[in-house]
PDB file of N, CA and C in Angstrom:
ATOM      1  N   UNK A   1      22.736 -46.638  34.276  1.00  0.00           N
ATOM      2  CA  UNK A   1      21.632 -46.414  34.585  1.00  0.00           C
ATOM      3  C   UNK A   1      21.558 -45.209  35.182  1.00  0.00           C
ATOM      4  N   UNK A   2      20.477 -44.329  34.804  1.00  0.00           N
ATOM      5  CA  UNK A   2      20.357 -42.817  35.326  1.00  0.00           C
ATOM      6  C   UNK A   2      19.031 -43.455  36.396  1.00  0.00           C
ATOM      7  N   UNK A   3      19.015 -42.990  38.035  1.00  0.00           N
ATOM      8  CA  UNK A   3      17.885 -43.200  38.527  1.00  0.00           C
ATOM      9  C   UNK A   3      16.914 -41.999  38.236  1.00  0.00           C
ATOM     10  N   UNK A   4      15.840 -42.162  38.968  1.00  0.00           N
ATOM     11  CA  UNK A   4      14.482 -41.727  38.954  1.00  0.00           C
ATOM     12  C   UNK A   4      14.629 -40.135  38.825  1.00  0.00           C
ATOM     13  N   UNK A   5      15.300 -39.976  40.277  1.00  0.00           N
ATOM     14  CA  UNK A   5      15.503 -38.359  40.938  1.00  0.00           C
ATOM     15  C   UNK A   5      16.158 -37.537  39.513  1.00  0.00           C
ATOM     16  N   UNK A   6      17.334 -38.538  38.943  1.00  0.00           N
ATOM     17  CA  UNK A   6      18.035 -37.395  37.866  1.00  0.00           C
ATOM     18  C   UNK A   6      17.433 -37.450  36.963  1.00  0.00           C
ATOM     19  N   UNK A   7      16.858 -38.618  36.368  1.00  0.00           N
ATOM     20  CA  UNK A   7      16.359 -38.458  35.083  1.00  0.00           C
ATOM     21  C   UNK A   7      15.080 -37.461  35.429  1.00  0.00           C
ATOM     22  N   UNK A   8      14.109 -37.398  36.062  1.00  0.00           N
ATOM     23  CA  UNK A   8      13.569 -36.236  36.702  1.00  0.00           C
ATOM     24  C   UNK A   8      14.203 -34.680  36.892  1.00  0.00           C
ATOM     25  N   UNK A   9      15.173 -35.002  37.356  1.00  0.00           N
ATOM     26  CA  UNK A   9      15.794 -33.291  37.443  1.00  0.00           C
ATOM     27  C   UNK A   9      16.615 -32.869  35.934  1.00  0.00           C
ATOM     28  N   UNK A  10      16.978 -33.642  35.184  1.00  0.00           N
ATOM     29  CA  UNK A  10      17.305 -33.666  33.653  1.00  0.00           C
ATOM     30  C   UNK A  10      15.811 -33.266  32.717  1.00  0.00           C
ATOM     31  N   UNK A  11      14.918 -33.686  33.423  1.00  0.00           N
ATOM     32  CA  UNK A  11      13.801 -32.950  32.318  1.00  0.00           C
ATOM     33  C   UNK A  11      13.599 -31.609  32.796  1.00  0.00           C
ATOM     34  N   UNK A  12      13.357 -31.484  33.838  1.00  0.00           N
ATOM     35  CA  UNK A  12      13.158 -30.314  34.630  1.00  0.00           C
ATOM     36  C   UNK A  12      14.279 -29.113  34.359  1.00  0.00           C
ATOM     37  N   UNK A  13      15.214 -29.422  33.774  1.00  0.00           N
ATOM     38  CA  UNK A  13      16.321 -28.674  33.650  1.00  0.00           C
ATOM     39  C   UNK A  13      16.128 -28.544  32.139  1.00  0.00           C
ATOM     40  N   UNK A  14      15.841 -29.654  31.310  1.00  0.00           N
ATOM     41  CA  UNK A  14      15.871 -29.255  29.512  1.00  0.00           C
ATOM     42  C   UNK A  14      13.981 -28.082  30.107  1.00  0.00           C
ATOM     43  N   UNK A  15      13.261 -28.470  30.226  1.00  0.00           N
ATOM     44  CA  UNK A  15      12.118 -27.705  30.101  1.00  0.00           C
ATOM     45  C   UNK A  15      12.396 -25.993  30.679  1.00  0.00           C
ATOM     46  N   UNK A  16      13.330 -26.195  32.023  1.00  0.00           N
ATOM     47  CA  UNK A  16      13.540 -24.256  32.368  1.00  0.00           C
ATOM     48  C   UNK A  16      14.560 -23.635  31.847  1.00  0.00           C
ATOM     49  N   UNK A  17      15.810 -24.380  30.735  1.00  0.00           N
ATOM     50  CA  UNK A  17      16.770 -24.441  30.446  1.00  0.00           C
ATOM     51  C   UNK A  17      18.450 -24.192  31.562  1.00  0.00           C
ATOM     52  N   UNK A  18      17.653 -24.620  33.208  1.00  0.00           N
ATOM     53  CA  UNK A  18      18.388 -23.887  33.762  1.00  0.00           C
ATOM     54  C   UNK A  18      19.595 -24.627  34.282  1.00  0.00           C
ATOM     55  N   UNK A  19      20.488 -24.664  34.794  1.00  0.00           N
ATOM     56  CA  UNK A  19      21.753 -25.735  35.119  1.00  0.00           C
ATOM     57  C   UNK A  19      21.584 -26.484  36.204  1.00  0.00           C
ATOM     58  N   UNK A  20      22.348 -27.807  36.197  1.00  0.00           N
ATOM     59  CA  UNK A  20      22.071 -28.327  36.584  1.00  0.00           C
ATOM     60  C   UNK A  20      23.127 -29.075  38.024  1.00  0.00           C
ATOM     61  N   UNK A  21      23.151 -29.244  38.518  1.00  0.00           N
ATOM     62  CA  UNK A  21      24.048 -30.022  39.461  1.00  0.00           C
ATOM     63  C   UNK A  21      24.218 -31.434  39.718  1.00  0.00           C
ATOM     64  N   UNK A  22      25.123 -32.168  38.980  1.00  0.00           N
ATOM     65  CA  UNK A  22      25.446 -33.358  38.232  1.00  0.00           C
ATOM     66  C   UNK A  22      26.456 -34.241  39.191  1.00  0.00           C
ATOM     67  N   UNK A  23      26.688 -35.042  39.679  1.00  0.00           N
ATOM     68  CA  UNK A  23      27.954 -35.906  40.071  1.00  0.00           C
ATOM     69  C   UNK A  23      28.626 -37.549  39.173  1.00  0.00           C
ATOM     70  N   UNK A  24      26.991 -38.055  38.829  1.00  0.00           N
ATOM     71  CA  UNK A  24      27.194 -39.112  38.263  1.00  0.00           C
ATOM     72  C   UNK A  24      27.344 -39.264  37.181  1.00  0.00           C
ATOM     73  N   UNK A  25      28.422 -39.764  36.250  1.00  0.00           N
ATOM     74  CA  UNK A  25      28.841 -39.854  34.948  1.00  0.00           C
ATOM     75  C   UNK A  25      27.726 -40.075  33.988  1.00  0.00           C
ATOM     76  N   UNK A  26      27.150 -41.219  34.278  1.00  0.00           N
ATOM     77  CA  UNK A  26      25.797 -41.481  33.545  1.00  0.00           C
ATOM     78  C   UNK A  26      25.178 -40.394  33.379  1.00  0.00           C
ATOM     79  N   UNK A  27      24.890 -40.002  34.188  1.00  0.00           N
ATOM     80  CA  UNK A  27      23.246 -38.478  34.530  1.00  0.00           C
ATOM     81  C   UNK A  27      23.982 -37.485  33.705  1.00  0.00           C
ATOM     82  N   UNK A  28      25.364 -36.931  33.854  1.00  0.00           N
ATOM     83  CA  UNK A  28      26.172 -36.023  33.243  1.00  0.00           C
ATOM     84  C   UNK A  28      26.108 -36.391  31.498  1.00  0.00           C
ATOM     85  N   UNK A  29      26.259 -37.347  31.267  1.00  0.00           N
ATOM     86  CA  UNK A  29      26.157 -37.819  30.150  1.00  0.00           C
ATOM     87  C   UNK A  29      24.961 -37.966  29.348  1.00  0.00           C
ATOM     88  N   UNK A  30      24.031 -38.086  29.740  1.00  0.00           N
ATOM     89  CA  UNK A  30      22.980 -37.811  29.493  1.00  0.00           C
ATOM     90  C   UNK A  30      21.998 -36.458  29.346  1.00  0.00           C
ATOM     91  N   UNK A  31      22.500 -35.408  30.476  1.00  0.00           N
ATOM     92  CA  UNK A  31      21.871 -34.343  30.532  1.00  0.00           C
ATOM     93  C   UNK A  31      23.203 -33.580  29.175  1.00  0.00           C
ATOM     94  N   UNK A  32      24.391 -33.822  28.910  1.00  0.00           N
ATOM     95  CA  UNK A  32      25.104 -33.619  28.006  1.00  0.00           C
ATOM     96  C   UNK A  32      24.230 -33.726  26.483  1.00  0.00           C
ATOM     97  N   UNK A  33      23.781 -34.517  26.307  1.00  0.00           N
ATOM     98  CA  UNK A  33      23.128 -35.267  24.914  1.00  0.00           C
ATOM     99  C   UNK A  33      21.779 -34.548  24.681  1.00  0.00           C
ATOM    100  N   UNK A  34      21.129 -33.766  25.688  1.00  0.00           N
ATOM    101  CA  UNK A  34      20.233 -32.999  25.810  1.00  0.00           C
ATOM    102  C   UNK A  34      20.708 -31.042  25.683  1.00  0.00           C
ATOM    103  N   UNK A  35      21.589 -31.112  25.636  1.00  0.00           N
ATOM    104  CA  UNK A  35      22.240 -29.815  26.105  1.00  0.00           C
ATOM    105  C   UNK A  35      21.950 -29.454  26.981  1.00  0.00           C
ATOM    106  N   UNK A  36      21.816 -29.640  28.351  1.00  0.00           N
ATOM    107  CA  UNK A  36      22.088 -29.277  29.516  1.00  0.00           C
ATOM    108  C   UNK A  36      23.425 -28.943  30.071  1.00  0.00           C
ATOM    109  N   UNK A  37      23.643 -27.628  30.445  1.00  0.00           N
ATOM    110  CA  UNK A  37      24.603 -26.805  31.254  1.00  0.00           C
ATOM    111  C   UNK A  37      24.783 -27.898  32.302  1.00  0.00           C
ATOM    112  N   UNK A  38      25.845 -28.349  32.495  1.00  0.00           N
ATOM    113  CA  UNK A  38      26.172 -28.783  34.155  1.00  0.00           C
ATOM    114  C   UNK A  38      27.502 -28.519  35.030  1.00  0.00           C
ATOM    115  N   UNK A  39      27.134 -28.906  36.020  1.00  0.00           N
ATOM    116  CA  UNK A  39      28.391 -28.202  37.233  1.00  0.00           C
ATOM    117  C   UNK A  39      27.795 -29.866  38.112  1.00  0.00           C
ATOM    118  N   UNK A  40      29.640 -29.836  38.577  1.00  0.00           N
ATOM    119  CA  UNK A  40      29.679 -30.798  39.894  1.00  0.00           C
ATOM    120  C   UNK A  40      29.726 -30.383  41.038  1.00  0.00           C
ATOM    121  N   UNK A  41      29.385 -31.126  41.855  1.00  0.00           N
ATOM    122  CA  UNK A  41      29.963 -30.602  43.426  1.00  0.00           C
ATOM    123  C   UNK A  41      30.868 -29.622  43.404  1.00  0.00           C
ATOM    124  N   UNK A  42      32.072 -29.968  42.990  1.00  0.00           N
ATOM    125  CA  UNK A  42      33.715 -29.534  43.457  1.00  0.00           C
ATOM    126  C   UNK A  42      33.125 -28.131  42.481  1.00  0.00           C
ATOM    127  N   UNK A  43      32.829 -28.136  41.573  1.00  0.00           N
ATOM    128  CA  UNK A  43      32.845 -27.333  40.630  1.00  0.00           C
ATOM    129  C   UNK A  43      32.070 -25.884  41.326  1.00  0.00           C
ATOM    130  N   UNK A  44      31.129 -26.219  41.779  1.00  0.00           N
ATOM    131  CA  UNK A  44      30.158 -25.391  42.201  1.00  0.00           C
ATOM    132  C   UNK A  44      31.000 -24.879  43.549  1.00  0.00           C
ATOM    133  N   UNK A  45      31.774 -25.744  44.619  1.00  0.00           N
ATOM    134  CA  UNK A  45      32.640 -25.163  45.623  1.00  0.00           C
ATOM    135  C   UNK A  45      33.396 -23.936  45.430  1.00  0.00           C
ATOM    136  N   UNK A  46      33.734 -24.812  43.858  1.00  0.00           N
ATOM    137  CA  UNK A  46      35.139 -23.737  43.560  1.00  0.00           C
ATOM    138  C   UNK A  46      34.670 -22.332  42.893  1.00  0.00           C
ATOM    139  N   UNK A  47      33.311 -22.403  42.605  1.00  0.00           N
ATOM    140  CA  UNK A  47      32.597 -21.033  42.514  1.00  0.00           C
ATOM    141  C   UNK A  47      31.902 -20.326  43.659  1.00  0.00           C
ATOM    142  N   UNK A  48      31.835 -20.977  44.728  1.00  0.00           N
ATOM    143  CA  UNK A  48      31.330 -20.236  45.707  1.00  0.00           C
ATOM    144  C   UNK A  48      33.016 -19.850  46.643  1.00  0.00           C
ATOM    145  N   UNK A  49      34.265 -20.789  46.908  1.00  0.00           N
ATOM    146  CA  UNK A  49      35.200 -20.048  47.344  1.00  0.00           C
ATOM    147  C   UNK A  49      35.750 -18.646  46.189  1.00  0.00           C
ATOM    148  N   UNK A  50      35.520 -18.639  44.736  1.00  0.00           N
ATOM    149  CA  UNK A  50      35.851 -17.548  44.038  1.00  0.00           C
ATOM    150  C   UNK A  50      35.149 -16.488  44.332  1.00  0.00           C
ATOM    151  N   UNK A  51      33.700 -16.916  44.891  1.00  0.00           N
ATOM    152  CA  UNK A  51      33.030 -15.712  44.438  1.00  0.00           C
ATOM    153  C   UNK A  51      32.834 -15.452  46.250  1.00  0.00           C
ATOM    154  N   UNK A  52      33.646 -15.634  47.072  1.00  0.00           N
ATOM    155  CA  UNK A  52      33.741 -15.442  48.741  1.00  0.00           C
ATOM    156  C   UNK A  52      32.826 -15.638  49.638  1.00  0.00           C
ATOM    157  N   UNK A  53      31.986 -16.591  49.132  1.00  0.00           N
ATOM    158  CA  UNK A  53      30.814 -17.615  50.213  1.00  0.00           C
ATOM    159  C   UNK A  53      31.471 -18.571  50.837  1.00  0.00           C
ATOM    160  N   UNK A  54      32.646 -19.180  50.598  1.00  0.00           N
ATOM    161  CA  UNK A  54      32.826 -19.753  51.187  1.00  0.00           C
ATOM    162  C   UNK A  54      34.280 -19.493  51.942  1.00  0.00           C
ATOM    163  N   UNK A  55      35.515 -19.523  52.919  1.00  0.00           N
ATOM    164  CA  UNK A  55      36.359 -18.831  53.252  1.00  0.00           C
ATOM    165  C   UNK A  55      37.817 -19.818  52.565  1.00  0.00           C
ATOM    166  N   UNK A  56      37.192 -21.428  52.790  1.00  0.00           N
ATOM    167  CA  UNK A  56      38.359 -22.010  52.358  1.00  0.00           C
ATOM    168  C   UNK A  56      37.804 -23.285  51.595  1.00  0.00           C
ATOM    169  N   UNK A  57      38.845 -23.544  50.158  1.00  0.00           N
ATOM    170  CA  UNK A  57      37.530 -25.146  49.767  1.00  0.00           C
ATOM    171  C   UNK A  57      38.374 -26.035  50.058  1.00  0.00           C
ATOM    172  N   UNK A  58      39.612 -26.418  50.705  1.00  0.00           N
ATOM    173  CA  UNK A  58      39.828 -27.442  51.015  1.00  0.00           C
ATOM    174  C   UNK A  58      39.555 -27.956  52.226  1.00  0.00           C
ATOM    175  N   UNK A  59      38.920 -27.652  53.557  1.00  0.00           N
ATOM    176  CA  UNK A  59      38.006 -27.946  54.344  1.00  0.00           C
ATOM    177  C   UNK A  59      36.961 -28.593  54.235  1.00  0.00           C
ATOM    178  N   UNK A  60      36.143 -27.708  53.390  1.00  0.00           N
ATOM    179  CA  UNK A  60      34.786 -28.013  52.442  1.00  0.00           C
ATOM    180  C   UNK A  60      35.538 -29.349  51.460  1.00  0.00           C
ATOM    181  N   UNK A  61      35.741 -29.589  51.289  1.00  0.00           N
ATOM    182  CA  UNK A  61      36.341 -31.045  50.896  1.00  0.00           C
ATOM    183  C   UNK A  61      36.479 -32.076  51.547  1.00  0.00           C
ATOM    184  N   UNK A  62      37.657 -31.888  52.625  1.00  0.00           N
ATOM    185  CA  UNK A  62      37.993 -32.755  53.607  1.00  0.00           C
ATOM    186  C   UNK A  62      36.984 -33.201  54.203  1.00  0.00           C
ATOM    187  N   UNK A  63      35.380 -32.103  54.619  1.00  0.00           N
ATOM    188  CA  UNK A  63      34.114 -33.056  55.547  1.00  0.00           C
ATOM    189  C   UNK A  63      33.589 -34.063  54.283  1.00  0.00           C
ATOM    190  N   UNK A  64      33.637 -33.786  53.409  1.00  0.00           N
ATOM    191  CA  UNK A  64      33.124 -34.140  52.159  1.00  0.00           C
ATOM    192  C   UNK A  64      33.643 -35.267  51.690  1.00  0.00           C
ATOM    193  N   UNK A  65      34.544 -35.658  51.829  1.00  0.00           N
ATOM    194  CA  UNK A  65      35.203 -36.746  51.745  1.00  0.00           C
ATOM    195  C   UNK A  65      34.991 -37.731  52.557  1.00  0.00           C
ATOM    196  N   UNK A  66      35.071 -36.910  54.251  1.00  0.00           N
ATOM    197  CA  UNK A  66      35.085 -37.541  55.274  1.00  0.00           C
ATOM    198  C   UNK A  66      33.795 -38.019  55.239  1.00  0.00           C
ATOM    199  N   UNK A  67      32.678 -37.696  54.724  1.00  0.00           N
ATOM    200  CA  UNK A  67      31.285 -38.202  54.647  1.00  0.00           C
ATOM    201  C   UNK A  67      30.844 -39.454  53.615  1.00  0.00           C
ATOM    202  N   UNK A  68      31.906 -39.869  52.983  1.00  0.00           N
ATOM    203  CA  UNK A  68      31.474 -40.911  52.094  1.00  0.00           C
ATOM    204  C   UNK A  68      31.585 -40.394  50.364  1.00  0.00           C
ATOM    205  N   UNK A  69      31.743 -39.010  50.717  1.00  0.00           N
ATOM    206  CA  UNK A  69      31.751 -38.328  48.983  1.00  0.00           C
ATOM    207  C   UNK A  69      33.025 -38.800  48.409  1.00  0.00           C
ATOM    208  N   UNK A  70      33.292 -38.885  46.770  1.00  0.00           N
ATOM    209  CA  UNK A  70      34.284 -39.447  46.282  1.00  0.00           C
ATOM    210  C   UNK A  70      34.702 -38.277  45.585  1.00  0.00           C
ATOM    211  N   UNK A  71      35.846 -37.452  45.966  1.00  0.00           N
ATOM    212  CA  UNK A  71      36.883 -36.568  45.314  1.00  0.00           C
ATOM    213  C   UNK A  71      37.852 -37.501  44.615  1.00  0.00           C
ATOM    214  N   UNK A  72      37.573 -37.637  43.374  1.00  0.00           N
ATOM    215  CA  UNK A  72      39.618 -38.258  42.456  1.00  0.00           C
ATOM    216  C   UNK A  72      40.409 -36.956  43.008  1.00  0.00           C
ATOM    217  N   UNK A  73      41.633 -37.051  42.888  1.00  0.00           N
ATOM    218  CA  UNK A  73      42.778 -36.767  43.574  1.00  0.00           C
ATOM    219  C   UNK A  73      43.275 -35.811  42.328  1.00  0.00           C
ATOM    220  N   UNK A  74      43.150 -36.006  40.599  1.00  0.00           N
ATOM    221  CA  UNK A  74      43.503 -35.142  39.802  1.00  0.00           C
ATOM    222  C   UNK A  74      42.171 -33.953  40.011  1.00  0.00           C
ATOM    223  N   UNK A  75      41.175 -34.424  40.589  1.00  0.00           N
ATOM    224  CA  UNK A  75      39.635 -33.173  40.621  1.00  0.00           C
ATOM    225  C   UNK A  75      40.222 -32.071  41.616  1.00  0.00           C
ATOM    226  N   UNK A  76      40.405 -33.247  43.399  1.00  0.00           N
ATOM    227  CA  UNK A  76      40.985 -32.272  43.776  1.00  0.00           C
ATOM    228  C   UNK A  76      41.980 -31.394  43.673  1.00  0.00           C
ATOM    229  N   UNK A  77      42.940 -31.435  42.927  1.00  0.00           N
ATOM    230  CA  UNK A  77      44.299 -30.758  43.161  1.00  0.00           C
ATOM    231  C   UNK A  77      43.671 -29.864  41.990  1.00  0.00           C
ATOM    232  N   UNK A  78      43.394 -30.034  40.690  1.00  0.00           N
ATOM    233  CA  UNK A  78      42.453 -28.893  39.915  1.00  0.00           C
ATOM    234  C   UNK A  78      42.160 -27.998  40.769  1.00  0.00           C
ATOM    235  N   UNK A  79      40.803 -28.443  41.574  1.00  0.00           N
ATOM    236  CA  UNK A  79      40.305 -27.694  42.335  1.00  0.00           C
ATOM    237  C   UNK A  79      41.013 -26.635  42.947  1.00  0.00           C
ATOM    238  N   UNK A  80      41.606 -27.135  43.594  1.00  0.00           N
ATOM    239  CA  UNK A  80      42.373 -26.146  44.730  1.00  0.00           C
ATOM    240  C   UNK A  80      43.559 -25.710  44.038  1.00  0.00           C
ATOM    241  N   UNK A  81      44.239 -26.163  42.954  1.00  0.00           N
ATOM    242  CA  UNK A  81      44.799 -24.985  42.254  1.00  0.00           C
ATOM    243  C   UNK A  81      44.018 -23.464  41.605  1.00  0.00           C
ATOM    244  N   UNK A  82      42.856 -24.149  41.485  1.00  0.00           N
ATOM    245  CA  UNK A  82      42.507 -22.751  40.411  1.00  0.00           C
ATOM    246  C   UNK A  82      41.852 -21.686  41.520  1.00  0.00           C
ATOM    247  N   UNK A  83      41.568 -22.389  42.882  1.00  0.00           N
ATOM    248  CA  UNK A  83      41.270 -21.347  43.407  1.00  0.00           C
ATOM    249  C   UNK A  83      42.465 -21.050  44.883  1.00  0.00           C
ATOM    250  N   UNK A  84      43.685 -21.704  44.039  1.00  0.00           N
ATOM    251  CA  UNK A  84      44.876 -20.456  44.777  1.00  0.00           C
ATOM    252  C   UNK A  84      45.310 -21.446  46.517  1.00  0.00           C
ATOM    253  N   UNK A  85      44.795 -22.663  46.318  1.00  0.00           N
ATOM    254  CA  UNK A  85      45.099 -23.303  47.718  1.00  0.00           C
ATOM    255  C   UNK A  85      45.910 -24.392  47.780  1.00  0.00           C
ATOM    256  N   UNK A  86      46.568 -24.713  46.407  1.00  0.00           N
ATOM    257  CA  UNK A  86      47.536 -25.530  46.153  1.00  0.00           C
ATOM    258  C   UNK A  86      49.159 -25.277  46.636  1.00  0.00           C
TER     259      UNK A  86
END
């Protein structure tokens, strides 16, 4: 079930056409059904690294994980590969 905040964000993105940052799988599925462009936190960090906004991706992901944010091993490896840190 998608929580109220995510539902409101999806509705706003549908109205404005903006891309939405979502990590919850159910919320992502709902957003896709409405044709909303989405990106996850890790994807956003990959873009930040590629744009030179952050110097390294791995320490940022490590900080997120230390704070309880789940990043699957396959996603982490792919993200690090994409930015040349693997």
